[in-house]
Amino acid sequence: MQFKLIALGAIALLGFSVASFAADEPTHRSVGTTIDDATITTKIKADLAGDPVTKAHQIHVKTRGGVVQLSGFVDSAESKERAGKIASDVSGVNKVRNHLMMRGAKRTAGNIVDDGVIKTKLKADFIADKTTKALQIEVEVHEGVVALSGFVDSSAAKSRAGDIAKHVAGVTSVHNDLQVKQP
């Protein structure tokens, strides 16, 4: 019974992933490519969740054309390395861009709230901006350090997202790991 629930959950997740990718992608990507990328992403997320070293909730996974991007803040170098290995071992993965960063010391409640405010402000600014598409940009914040990842339509969108992030109060540095989509 539990296996059936897990399988149904994985299928539902795959369906939602495909729908979100399809809504975000230009029309020149085939449905097959979109499904392949969503399947790869789902498999990697499942493998990360089942691994004793990695904490799947710390790692964001995006896939485009078999290129996997890992982003977020992890607790150790071992976790970063292991996540990259897990991703590269999945069938259909052509390349892994491991942009995971290590967390610092334990955070206070104030740090967590501040980071949440920064993330919310950034997402709102990306929505309001004509160049950036907020759904294409993953934002992580840890102690004022902003990590941007995902696949954007142009180098102008990548540059603009970095500029927006740099000018938000409380941001100490920006790691702009956005990738420009290739046709």
N, C-alpha and C. Protein backbone atom coordinates (compact mmCIF):
# COMPACT_ATOMS: atom_id res chain seq x y z
N MET A 1 0.82 -1.19 0.00
CA MET A 1 0.00 0.00 0.00
C MET A 1 0.87 1.26 0.00
N GLN A 2 1.88 1.27 0.87
CA GLN A 2 2.76 2.44 0.96
C GLN A 2 3.50 2.64 -0.36
N PHE A 3 3.93 1.54 -1.01
CA PHE A 3 4.63 1.63 -2.29
C PHE A 3 3.73 2.28 -3.34
N LYS A 4 2.43 1.88 -3.34
CA LYS A 4 1.49 2.45 -4.31
C LYS A 4 1.34 3.95 -4.10
N LEU A 5 1.29 4.39 -2.85
CA LEU A 5 1.19 5.82 -2.56
C LEU A 5 2.42 6.58 -3.02
N ILE A 6 3.59 6.00 -2.80
CA ILE A 6 4.84 6.64 -3.24
C ILE A 6 4.87 6.71 -4.76
N ALA A 7 4.49 5.61 -5.42
CA ALA A 7 4.48 5.59 -6.89
C ALA A 7 3.50 6.62 -7.44
N LEU A 8 2.30 6.70 -6.84
CA LEU A 8 1.33 7.70 -7.28
C LEU A 8 1.85 9.11 -7.07
N GLY A 9 2.52 9.34 -5.95
CA GLY A 9 3.10 10.65 -5.68
C GLY A 9 4.16 11.01 -6.70
N ALA A 10 5.01 10.05 -7.06
CA ALA A 10 6.05 10.30 -8.07
C ALA A 10 5.44 10.61 -9.42
N ILE A 11 4.38 9.88 -9.78
CA ILE A 11 3.71 10.13 -11.06
C ILE A 11 3.08 11.52 -11.07
N ALA A 12 2.44 11.88 -9.97
CA ALA A 12 1.83 13.22 -9.87
C ALA A 12 2.90 14.30 -9.96
N LEU A 13 4.02 14.11 -9.27
CA LEU A 13 5.12 15.07 -9.32
C LEU A 13 5.64 15.22 -10.73
N LEU A 14 5.77 14.10 -11.45
CA LEU A 14 6.23 14.14 -12.84
C LEU A 14 5.25 14.94 -13.68
N GLY A 15 3.96 14.70 -13.47
CA GLY A 15 2.95 15.44 -14.23
C GLY A 15 3.01 16.93 -13.98
N PHE A 16 3.14 17.32 -12.71
CA PHE A 16 3.25 18.74 -12.37
C PHE A 16 4.53 19.33 -12.94
N SER A 17 5.62 18.57 -12.91
CA SER A 17 6.89 19.05 -13.45
C SER A 17 6.78 19.30 -14.94
N VAL A 18 6.16 18.36 -15.66
CA VAL A 18 5.99 18.51 -17.10
C VAL A 18 5.13 19.73 -17.39
N ALA A 19 4.05 19.89 -16.66
CA ALA A 19 3.17 21.03 -16.88
C ALA A 19 3.88 22.34 -16.63
N SER A 20 4.68 22.42 -15.58
CA SER A 20 5.36 23.68 -15.29
C SER A 20 6.46 23.96 -16.30
N PHE A 21 7.16 22.92 -16.75
CA PHE A 21 8.17 23.11 -17.77
C PHE A 21 7.51 23.55 -19.07
N ALA A 22 6.45 22.89 -19.46
CA ALA A 22 5.79 23.19 -20.72
C ALA A 22 5.26 24.61 -20.74
N ALA A 23 4.74 25.09 -19.63
CA ALA A 23 4.20 26.44 -19.57
C ALA A 23 5.30 27.48 -19.66
N ASP A 24 6.50 27.13 -19.28
CA ASP A 24 7.61 28.06 -19.22
C ASP A 24 8.48 28.06 -20.47
N GLU A 25 8.32 27.09 -21.33
CA GLU A 25 9.23 26.89 -22.44
C GLU A 25 8.71 27.49 -23.73
N PRO A 26 9.65 27.95 -24.58
CA PRO A 26 9.24 28.40 -25.90
C PRO A 26 8.72 27.21 -26.71
N THR A 27 8.01 27.49 -27.78
CA THR A 27 7.37 26.43 -28.55
C THR A 27 8.35 25.55 -29.31
N HIS A 28 9.60 25.93 -29.48
CA HIS A 28 10.54 25.13 -30.28
C HIS A 28 11.05 23.89 -29.55
N ARG A 29 10.74 23.71 -28.28
CA ARG A 29 11.12 22.49 -27.55
C ARG A 29 10.01 21.47 -27.74
N SER A 30 10.40 20.25 -28.06
CA SER A 30 9.40 19.21 -28.25
C SER A 30 8.83 18.75 -26.92
N VAL A 31 7.66 18.17 -26.97
CA VAL A 31 7.04 17.61 -25.77
C VAL A 31 7.93 16.49 -25.23
N GLY A 32 8.52 15.71 -26.14
CA GLY A 32 9.41 14.61 -25.73
C GLY A 32 10.60 15.11 -24.93
N THR A 33 11.22 16.19 -25.38
CA THR A 33 12.36 16.76 -24.67
C THR A 33 11.93 17.27 -23.30
N THR A 34 10.79 17.93 -23.26
CA THR A 34 10.27 18.44 -22.00
C THR A 34 9.99 17.30 -21.02
N ILE A 35 9.39 16.23 -21.51
CA ILE A 35 9.11 15.07 -20.67
C ILE A 35 10.40 14.41 -20.22
N ASP A 36 11.38 14.27 -21.13
CA ASP A 36 12.67 13.69 -20.75
C ASP A 36 13.32 14.50 -19.63
N ASP A 37 13.33 15.81 -19.77
CA ASP A 37 13.94 16.67 -18.75
C ASP A 37 13.19 16.55 -17.42
N ALA A 38 11.87 16.52 -17.47
CA ALA A 38 11.08 16.38 -16.25
C ALA A 38 11.32 15.02 -15.59
N THR A 39 11.49 13.99 -16.40
CA THR A 39 11.76 12.66 -15.87
C THR A 39 13.12 12.62 -15.19
N ILE A 40 14.11 13.23 -15.82
CA ILE A 40 15.46 13.31 -15.23
C ILE A 40 15.40 14.05 -13.89
N THR A 41 14.74 15.20 -13.88
CA THR A 41 14.63 15.99 -12.65
C THR A 41 13.96 15.18 -11.54
N THR A 42 12.87 14.51 -11.87
CA THR A 42 12.14 13.71 -10.88
C THR A 42 13.00 12.57 -10.36
N LYS A 43 13.73 11.90 -11.23
CA LYS A 43 14.59 10.78 -10.82
C LYS A 43 15.70 11.28 -9.89
N ILE A 44 16.31 12.40 -10.23
CA ILE A 44 17.37 12.96 -9.38
C ILE A 44 16.81 13.33 -8.02
N LYS A 45 15.66 13.99 -7.99
CA LYS A 45 15.05 14.38 -6.71
C LYS A 45 14.75 13.15 -5.86
N ALA A 46 14.24 12.10 -6.47
CA ALA A 46 13.94 10.87 -5.74
C ALA A 46 15.22 10.24 -5.19
N ASP A 47 16.28 10.21 -6.01
CA ASP A 47 17.55 9.64 -5.57
C ASP A 47 18.18 10.46 -4.44
N LEU A 48 18.06 11.79 -4.52
CA LEU A 48 18.57 12.65 -3.45
C LEU A 48 17.82 12.39 -2.15
N ALA A 49 16.51 12.22 -2.26
CA ALA A 49 15.68 11.98 -1.07
C ALA A 49 16.03 10.65 -0.41
N GLY A 50 16.43 9.67 -1.20
CA GLY A 50 16.77 8.36 -0.65
C GLY A 50 18.20 8.21 -0.21
N ASP A 51 19.01 9.22 -0.43
CA ASP A 51 20.43 9.13 -0.08
C ASP A 51 20.66 9.58 1.37
N PRO A 52 21.47 8.85 2.12
CA PRO A 52 21.69 9.21 3.53
C PRO A 52 22.59 10.44 3.74
N VAL A 53 23.33 10.83 2.71
CA VAL A 53 24.26 11.96 2.85
C VAL A 53 23.60 13.29 2.48
N THR A 54 22.81 13.27 1.42
CA THR A 54 22.21 14.52 0.94
C THR A 54 20.88 14.80 1.63
N LYS A 55 20.56 16.07 1.73
CA LYS A 55 19.26 16.50 2.24
C LYS A 55 18.52 17.12 1.05
N ALA A 56 17.61 16.35 0.48
CA ALA A 56 16.94 16.74 -0.76
C ALA A 56 16.27 18.11 -0.66
N HIS A 57 15.76 18.47 0.51
CA HIS A 57 15.07 19.76 0.66
C HIS A 57 16.02 20.95 0.52
N GLN A 58 17.32 20.71 0.60
CA GLN A 58 18.30 21.79 0.45
C GLN A 58 18.73 21.99 -1.00
N ILE A 59 18.35 21.08 -1.88
CA ILE A 59 18.89 21.06 -3.24
C ILE A 59 17.78 21.28 -4.26
N HIS A 60 17.97 22.29 -5.10
CA HIS A 60 17.05 22.56 -6.20
C HIS A 60 17.63 21.94 -7.47
N VAL A 61 16.78 21.28 -8.23
CA VAL A 61 17.22 20.60 -9.45
C VAL A 61 16.43 21.16 -10.62
N LYS A 62 17.12 21.58 -11.66
CA LYS A 62 16.50 22.02 -12.91
C LYS A 62 17.21 21.28 -14.03
N THR A 63 16.46 20.92 -15.08
CA THR A 63 17.05 20.21 -16.22
C THR A 63 16.54 20.85 -17.50
N ARG A 64 17.44 21.03 -18.45
CA ARG A 64 17.09 21.52 -19.78
C ARG A 64 18.01 20.87 -20.78
N GLY A 65 17.43 20.11 -21.70
CA GLY A 65 18.21 19.44 -22.74
C GLY A 65 19.24 18.47 -22.17
N GLY A 66 18.92 17.84 -21.07
CA GLY A 66 19.83 16.89 -20.44
C GLY A 66 20.91 17.53 -19.59
N VAL A 67 20.92 18.86 -19.52
CA VAL A 67 21.87 19.57 -18.67
C VAL A 67 21.18 19.84 -17.33
N VAL A 68 21.78 19.34 -16.27
CA VAL A 68 21.19 19.45 -14.93
C VAL A 68 21.90 20.55 -14.17
N GLN A 69 21.11 21.37 -13.50
CA GLN A 69 21.66 22.43 -12.65
C GLN A 69 21.23 22.16 -11.21
N LEU A 70 22.21 22.05 -10.33
CA LEU A 70 21.96 21.88 -8.90
C LEU A 70 22.26 23.20 -8.21
N SER A 71 21.35 23.65 -7.36
CA SER A 71 21.58 24.90 -6.64
C SER A 71 21.00 24.81 -5.24
N GLY A 72 21.42 25.73 -4.40
CA GLY A 72 20.98 25.78 -3.02
C GLY A 72 22.16 25.81 -2.07
N PHE A 73 21.87 25.70 -0.80
CA PHE A 73 22.90 25.71 0.24
C PHE A 73 22.85 24.37 0.96
N VAL A 74 23.99 23.68 1.00
CA VAL A 74 24.08 22.39 1.67
C VAL A 74 24.99 22.49 2.89
N ASP A 75 24.92 21.46 3.75
CA ASP A 75 25.65 21.49 5.02
C ASP A 75 27.13 21.13 4.91
N SER A 76 27.52 20.40 3.83
CA SER A 76 28.91 19.94 3.78
C SER A 76 29.39 19.77 2.34
N ALA A 77 30.72 19.74 2.21
CA ALA A 77 31.33 19.47 0.91
C ALA A 77 30.96 18.07 0.44
N GLU A 78 30.85 17.15 1.38
CA GLU A 78 30.48 15.77 1.05
C GLU A 78 29.08 15.73 0.42
N SER A 79 28.17 16.52 0.98
CA SER A 79 26.81 16.56 0.45
C SER A 79 26.80 17.15 -0.96
N LYS A 80 27.58 18.19 -1.19
CA LYS A 80 27.68 18.80 -2.52
C LYS A 80 28.23 17.80 -3.53
N GLU A 81 29.30 17.14 -3.16
CA GLU A 81 29.93 16.17 -4.06
C GLU A 81 28.98 15.00 -4.35
N ARG A 82 28.33 14.51 -3.32
CA ARG A 82 27.42 13.37 -3.46
C ARG A 82 26.23 13.72 -4.35
N ALA A 83 25.69 14.92 -4.20
CA ALA A 83 24.57 15.36 -5.04
C ALA A 83 24.99 15.39 -6.51
N GLY A 84 26.18 15.89 -6.79
CA GLY A 84 26.68 15.92 -8.16
C GLY A 84 26.83 14.52 -8.74
N LYS A 85 27.32 13.60 -7.93
CA LYS A 85 27.48 12.21 -8.37
C LYS A 85 26.13 11.57 -8.64
N ILE A 86 25.18 11.78 -7.74
CA ILE A 86 23.84 11.23 -7.93
C ILE A 86 23.24 11.73 -9.24
N ALA A 87 23.35 13.02 -9.49
CA ALA A 87 22.80 13.61 -10.72
C ALA A 87 23.49 13.04 -11.96
N SER A 88 24.80 12.94 -11.93
CA SER A 88 25.52 12.47 -13.11
C SER A 88 25.27 11.00 -13.42
N ASP A 89 24.85 10.24 -12.42
CA ASP A 89 24.58 8.81 -12.61
C ASP A 89 23.20 8.52 -13.21
N VAL A 90 22.35 9.52 -13.33
CA VAL A 90 21.01 9.32 -13.87
C VAL A 90 21.07 9.26 -15.40
N SER A 91 20.39 8.27 -15.94
CA SER A 91 20.35 8.08 -17.39
C SER A 91 19.75 9.30 -18.07
N GLY A 92 20.39 9.75 -19.15
CA GLY A 92 19.91 10.90 -19.91
C GLY A 92 20.58 12.20 -19.56
N VAL A 93 21.37 12.20 -18.48
CA VAL A 93 22.08 13.42 -18.08
C VAL A 93 23.32 13.57 -18.93
N ASN A 94 23.43 14.72 -19.62
CA ASN A 94 24.59 15.01 -20.45
C ASN A 94 25.67 15.76 -19.70
N LYS A 95 25.23 16.61 -18.77
CA LYS A 95 26.17 17.45 -18.03
C LYS A 95 25.52 17.88 -16.72
N VAL A 96 26.34 18.04 -15.67
CA VAL A 96 25.84 18.53 -14.39
C VAL A 96 26.58 19.81 -14.05
N ARG A 97 25.81 20.85 -13.77
CA ARG A 97 26.37 22.11 -13.30
C ARG A 97 26.04 22.18 -11.81
N ASN A 98 27.04 21.90 -11.00
CA ASN A 98 26.83 21.82 -9.56
C ASN A 98 27.16 23.18 -8.93
N HIS A 99 26.13 23.96 -8.69
CA HIS A 99 26.29 25.30 -8.11
C HIS A 99 25.89 25.33 -6.64
N LEU A 100 25.94 24.17 -5.99
CA LEU A 100 25.61 24.12 -4.56
C LEU A 100 26.67 24.86 -3.77
N MET A 101 26.23 25.55 -2.73
CA MET A 101 27.15 26.28 -1.86
C MET A 101 26.99 25.77 -0.44
N MET A 102 28.05 25.91 0.35
CA MET A 102 28.03 25.45 1.72
C MET A 102 27.42 26.51 2.64
N ARG A 103 26.63 26.03 3.59
CA ARG A 103 26.07 26.91 4.61
C ARG A 103 27.16 27.28 5.60
N GLY A 104 26.96 28.40 6.28
CA GLY A 104 27.87 28.81 7.34
C GLY A 104 27.45 28.17 8.66
N ALA A 105 27.76 28.83 9.73
CA ALA A 105 27.41 28.35 11.07
C ALA A 105 25.90 28.37 11.26
N LYS A 106 25.46 27.91 12.41
CA LYS A 106 24.03 27.90 12.74
C LYS A 106 23.46 29.31 12.63
N ARG A 107 22.24 29.40 12.13
CA ARG A 107 21.60 30.69 11.94
C ARG A 107 20.64 31.00 13.08
N THR A 108 20.51 32.28 13.33
CA THR A 108 19.55 32.73 14.34
C THR A 108 18.18 32.90 13.68
N ALA A 109 17.15 33.03 14.49
CA ALA A 109 15.81 33.27 13.96
C ALA A 109 15.78 34.57 13.16
N GLY A 110 16.52 35.57 13.62
CA GLY A 110 16.60 36.84 12.90
C GLY A 110 17.20 36.69 11.52
N ASN A 111 18.26 35.88 11.41
CA ASN A 111 18.88 35.62 10.10
C ASN A 111 17.90 34.96 9.15
N ILE A 112 17.16 34.00 9.68
CA ILE A 112 16.21 33.27 8.84
C ILE A 112 15.12 34.20 8.34
N VAL A 113 14.60 35.05 9.21
CA VAL A 113 13.57 36.01 8.82
C VAL A 113 14.13 36.99 7.79
N ASP A 114 15.33 37.52 8.04
CA ASP A 114 15.95 38.45 7.10
C ASP A 114 16.12 37.82 5.72
N ASP A 115 16.58 36.58 5.69
CA ASP A 115 16.76 35.88 4.41
C ASP A 115 15.43 35.69 3.70
N GLY A 116 14.38 35.39 4.46
CA GLY A 116 13.05 35.23 3.88
C GLY A 116 12.53 36.52 3.28
N VAL A 117 12.79 37.63 3.96
CA VAL A 117 12.37 38.94 3.46
C VAL A 117 13.12 39.27 2.16
N ILE A 118 14.42 39.00 2.14
CA ILE A 118 15.21 39.25 0.94
C ILE A 118 14.68 38.42 -0.23
N LYS A 119 14.42 37.14 0.01
CA LYS A 119 13.93 36.26 -1.04
C LYS A 119 12.59 36.74 -1.58
N THR A 120 11.69 37.13 -0.69
CA THR A 120 10.38 37.61 -1.09
C THR A 120 10.50 38.89 -1.91
N LYS A 121 11.35 39.80 -1.47
CA LYS A 121 11.57 41.06 -2.19
C LYS A 121 12.12 40.79 -3.59
N LEU A 122 13.09 39.88 -3.68
CA LEU A 122 13.66 39.55 -4.98
C LEU A 122 12.62 38.98 -5.92
N LYS A 123 11.83 38.03 -5.44
CA LYS A 123 10.80 37.42 -6.30
C LYS A 123 9.81 38.48 -6.78
N ALA A 124 9.41 39.38 -5.90
CA ALA A 124 8.49 40.46 -6.29
C ALA A 124 9.13 41.36 -7.34
N ASP A 125 10.41 41.68 -7.15
CA ASP A 125 11.11 42.53 -8.12
C ASP A 125 11.24 41.83 -9.48
N PHE A 126 11.48 40.53 -9.47
CA PHE A 126 11.58 39.78 -10.74
C PHE A 126 10.23 39.75 -11.45
N ILE A 127 9.15 39.64 -10.69
CA ILE A 127 7.81 39.65 -11.29
C ILE A 127 7.52 41.01 -11.91
N ALA A 128 7.91 42.08 -11.24
CA ALA A 128 7.63 43.44 -11.72
C ALA A 128 8.50 43.85 -12.90
N ASP A 129 9.65 43.23 -13.05
CA ASP A 129 10.59 43.62 -14.11
C ASP A 129 10.18 43.05 -15.46
N LYS A 130 10.32 43.84 -16.52
CA LYS A 130 9.92 43.41 -17.86
C LYS A 130 10.91 42.43 -18.49
N THR A 131 12.15 42.42 -18.05
CA THR A 131 13.18 41.57 -18.65
C THR A 131 13.24 40.18 -18.03
N THR A 132 12.99 40.12 -16.73
CA THR A 132 13.11 38.84 -16.03
C THR A 132 11.77 38.12 -15.96
N LYS A 133 11.84 36.80 -15.96
CA LYS A 133 10.64 35.98 -15.77
C LYS A 133 10.84 35.23 -14.45
N ALA A 134 10.08 35.62 -13.46
CA ALA A 134 10.26 35.10 -12.11
C ALA A 134 10.19 33.57 -12.04
N LEU A 135 9.36 32.95 -12.86
CA LEU A 135 9.23 31.49 -12.83
C LEU A 135 10.48 30.78 -13.32
N GLN A 136 11.33 31.47 -14.05
CA GLN A 136 12.56 30.86 -14.55
C GLN A 136 13.72 30.97 -13.56
N ILE A 137 13.54 31.75 -12.51
CA ILE A 137 14.66 32.05 -11.61
C ILE A 137 14.41 31.46 -10.23
N GLU A 138 15.32 30.60 -9.83
CA GLU A 138 15.29 30.02 -8.48
C GLU A 138 16.13 30.93 -7.59
N VAL A 139 15.60 31.29 -6.43
CA VAL A 139 16.30 32.18 -5.51
C VAL A 139 16.52 31.47 -4.19
N GLU A 140 17.74 31.45 -3.72
CA GLU A 140 18.08 30.95 -2.40
C GLU A 140 18.87 32.04 -1.69
N VAL A 141 18.63 32.21 -0.40
CA VAL A 141 19.33 33.22 0.38
C VAL A 141 19.80 32.58 1.68
N HIS A 142 21.05 32.81 2.01
CA HIS A 142 21.61 32.31 3.27
C HIS A 142 22.53 33.38 3.83
N GLU A 143 22.15 33.95 4.98
CA GLU A 143 22.92 35.00 5.64
C GLU A 143 23.26 36.15 4.69
N GLY A 144 22.28 36.54 3.89
CA GLY A 144 22.44 37.67 2.97
C GLY A 144 23.10 37.33 1.65
N VAL A 145 23.59 36.12 1.50
CA VAL A 145 24.20 35.68 0.24
C VAL A 145 23.09 35.13 -0.65
N VAL A 146 22.95 35.70 -1.83
CA VAL A 146 21.90 35.31 -2.76
C VAL A 146 22.49 34.40 -3.82
N ALA A 147 21.80 33.28 -4.08
CA ALA A 147 22.17 32.37 -5.16
C ALA A 147 21.02 32.33 -6.15
N LEU A 148 21.31 32.73 -7.39
CA LEU A 148 20.31 32.69 -8.46
C LEU A 148 20.64 31.52 -9.38
N SER A 149 19.64 30.72 -9.71
CA SER A 149 19.87 29.61 -10.63
C SER A 149 18.63 29.40 -11.48
N GLY A 150 18.79 28.61 -12.52
CA GLY A 150 17.71 28.31 -13.45
C GLY A 150 18.15 28.60 -14.87
N PHE A 151 17.22 28.48 -15.79
CA PHE A 151 17.49 28.71 -17.20
C PHE A 151 16.64 29.88 -17.68
N VAL A 152 17.29 30.94 -18.15
CA VAL A 152 16.59 32.15 -18.60
C VAL A 152 16.70 32.28 -20.11
N ASP A 153 15.85 33.16 -20.68
CA ASP A 153 15.77 33.30 -22.13
C ASP A 153 16.95 34.02 -22.78
N SER A 154 17.61 34.91 -22.04
CA SER A 154 18.66 35.72 -22.68
C SER A 154 19.73 36.14 -21.68
N SER A 155 20.86 36.58 -22.21
CA SER A 155 21.92 37.08 -21.34
C SER A 155 21.48 38.39 -20.69
N ALA A 156 20.60 39.14 -21.35
CA ALA A 156 20.07 40.36 -20.75
C ALA A 156 19.25 40.03 -19.50
N ALA A 157 18.47 38.96 -19.54
CA ALA A 157 17.67 38.54 -18.38
C ALA A 157 18.59 38.09 -17.25
N LYS A 158 19.66 37.38 -17.58
CA LYS A 158 20.63 36.94 -16.57
C LYS A 158 21.27 38.14 -15.90
N SER A 159 21.74 39.08 -16.70
CA SER A 159 22.40 40.27 -16.18
C SER A 159 21.45 41.12 -15.34
N ARG A 160 20.23 41.28 -15.83
CA ARG A 160 19.24 42.10 -15.12
C ARG A 160 18.90 41.48 -13.77
N ALA A 161 18.75 40.16 -13.71
CA ALA A 161 18.45 39.49 -12.45
C ALA A 161 19.56 39.73 -11.44
N GLY A 162 20.81 39.65 -11.89
CA GLY A 162 21.94 39.91 -11.00
C GLY A 162 21.95 41.33 -10.49
N ASP A 163 21.64 42.27 -11.38
CA ASP A 163 21.59 43.69 -10.98
C ASP A 163 20.49 43.94 -9.96
N ILE A 164 19.33 43.34 -10.20
CA ILE A 164 18.22 43.51 -9.25
C ILE A 164 18.63 42.98 -7.88
N ALA A 165 19.23 41.79 -7.86
CA ALA A 165 19.62 41.17 -6.58
C ALA A 165 20.63 42.02 -5.83
N LYS A 166 21.58 42.60 -6.53
CA LYS A 166 22.63 43.39 -5.88
C LYS A 166 22.08 44.62 -5.16
N HIS A 167 20.93 45.10 -5.61
CA HIS A 167 20.40 46.35 -5.06
C HIS A 167 19.30 46.16 -4.02
N VAL A 168 19.11 44.93 -3.57
CA VAL A 168 18.12 44.69 -2.51
C VAL A 168 18.80 44.85 -1.16
N ALA A 169 18.17 45.59 -0.27
CA ALA A 169 18.73 45.82 1.07
C ALA A 169 18.95 44.50 1.79
N GLY A 170 20.12 44.38 2.41
CA GLY A 170 20.46 43.18 3.17
C GLY A 170 21.28 42.17 2.40
N VAL A 171 21.38 42.33 1.09
CA VAL A 171 22.16 41.40 0.27
C VAL A 171 23.64 41.73 0.44
N THR A 172 24.43 40.72 0.81
CA THR A 172 25.87 40.92 0.98
C THR A 172 26.66 40.51 -0.25
N SER A 173 26.18 39.52 -0.99
CA SER A 173 26.79 39.13 -2.26
C SER A 173 25.81 38.33 -3.08
N VAL A 174 26.08 38.24 -4.38
CA VAL A 174 25.20 37.53 -5.32
C VAL A 174 26.02 36.55 -6.12
N HIS A 175 25.55 35.30 -6.15
CA HIS A 175 26.13 34.27 -7.02
C HIS A 175 25.11 34.04 -8.14
N ASN A 176 25.40 34.60 -9.31
CA ASN A 176 24.48 34.51 -10.44
C ASN A 176 24.85 33.30 -11.28
N ASP A 177 24.21 32.18 -10.99
CA ASP A 177 24.47 30.94 -11.73
C ASP A 177 23.38 30.65 -12.75
N LEU A 178 22.67 31.69 -13.17
CA LEU A 178 21.65 31.52 -14.20
C LEU A 178 22.33 31.10 -15.51
N GLN A 179 21.67 30.24 -16.24
CA GLN A 179 22.17 29.78 -17.52
C GLN A 179 21.21 30.27 -18.61
N VAL A 180 21.77 30.72 -19.74
CA VAL A 180 20.95 31.15 -20.86
C VAL A 180 20.55 29.91 -21.65
N LYS A 181 19.25 29.80 -21.93
CA LYS A 181 18.74 28.64 -22.66
C LYS A 181 19.37 28.60 -24.05
N GLN A 182 19.73 27.41 -24.45
CA GLN A 182 20.26 27.19 -25.78
C GLN A 182 19.14 26.58 -26.64
N PRO A 183 19.02 27.01 -27.89
CA PRO A 183 17.94 26.47 -28.75
C PRO A 183 18.08 24.97 -28.96
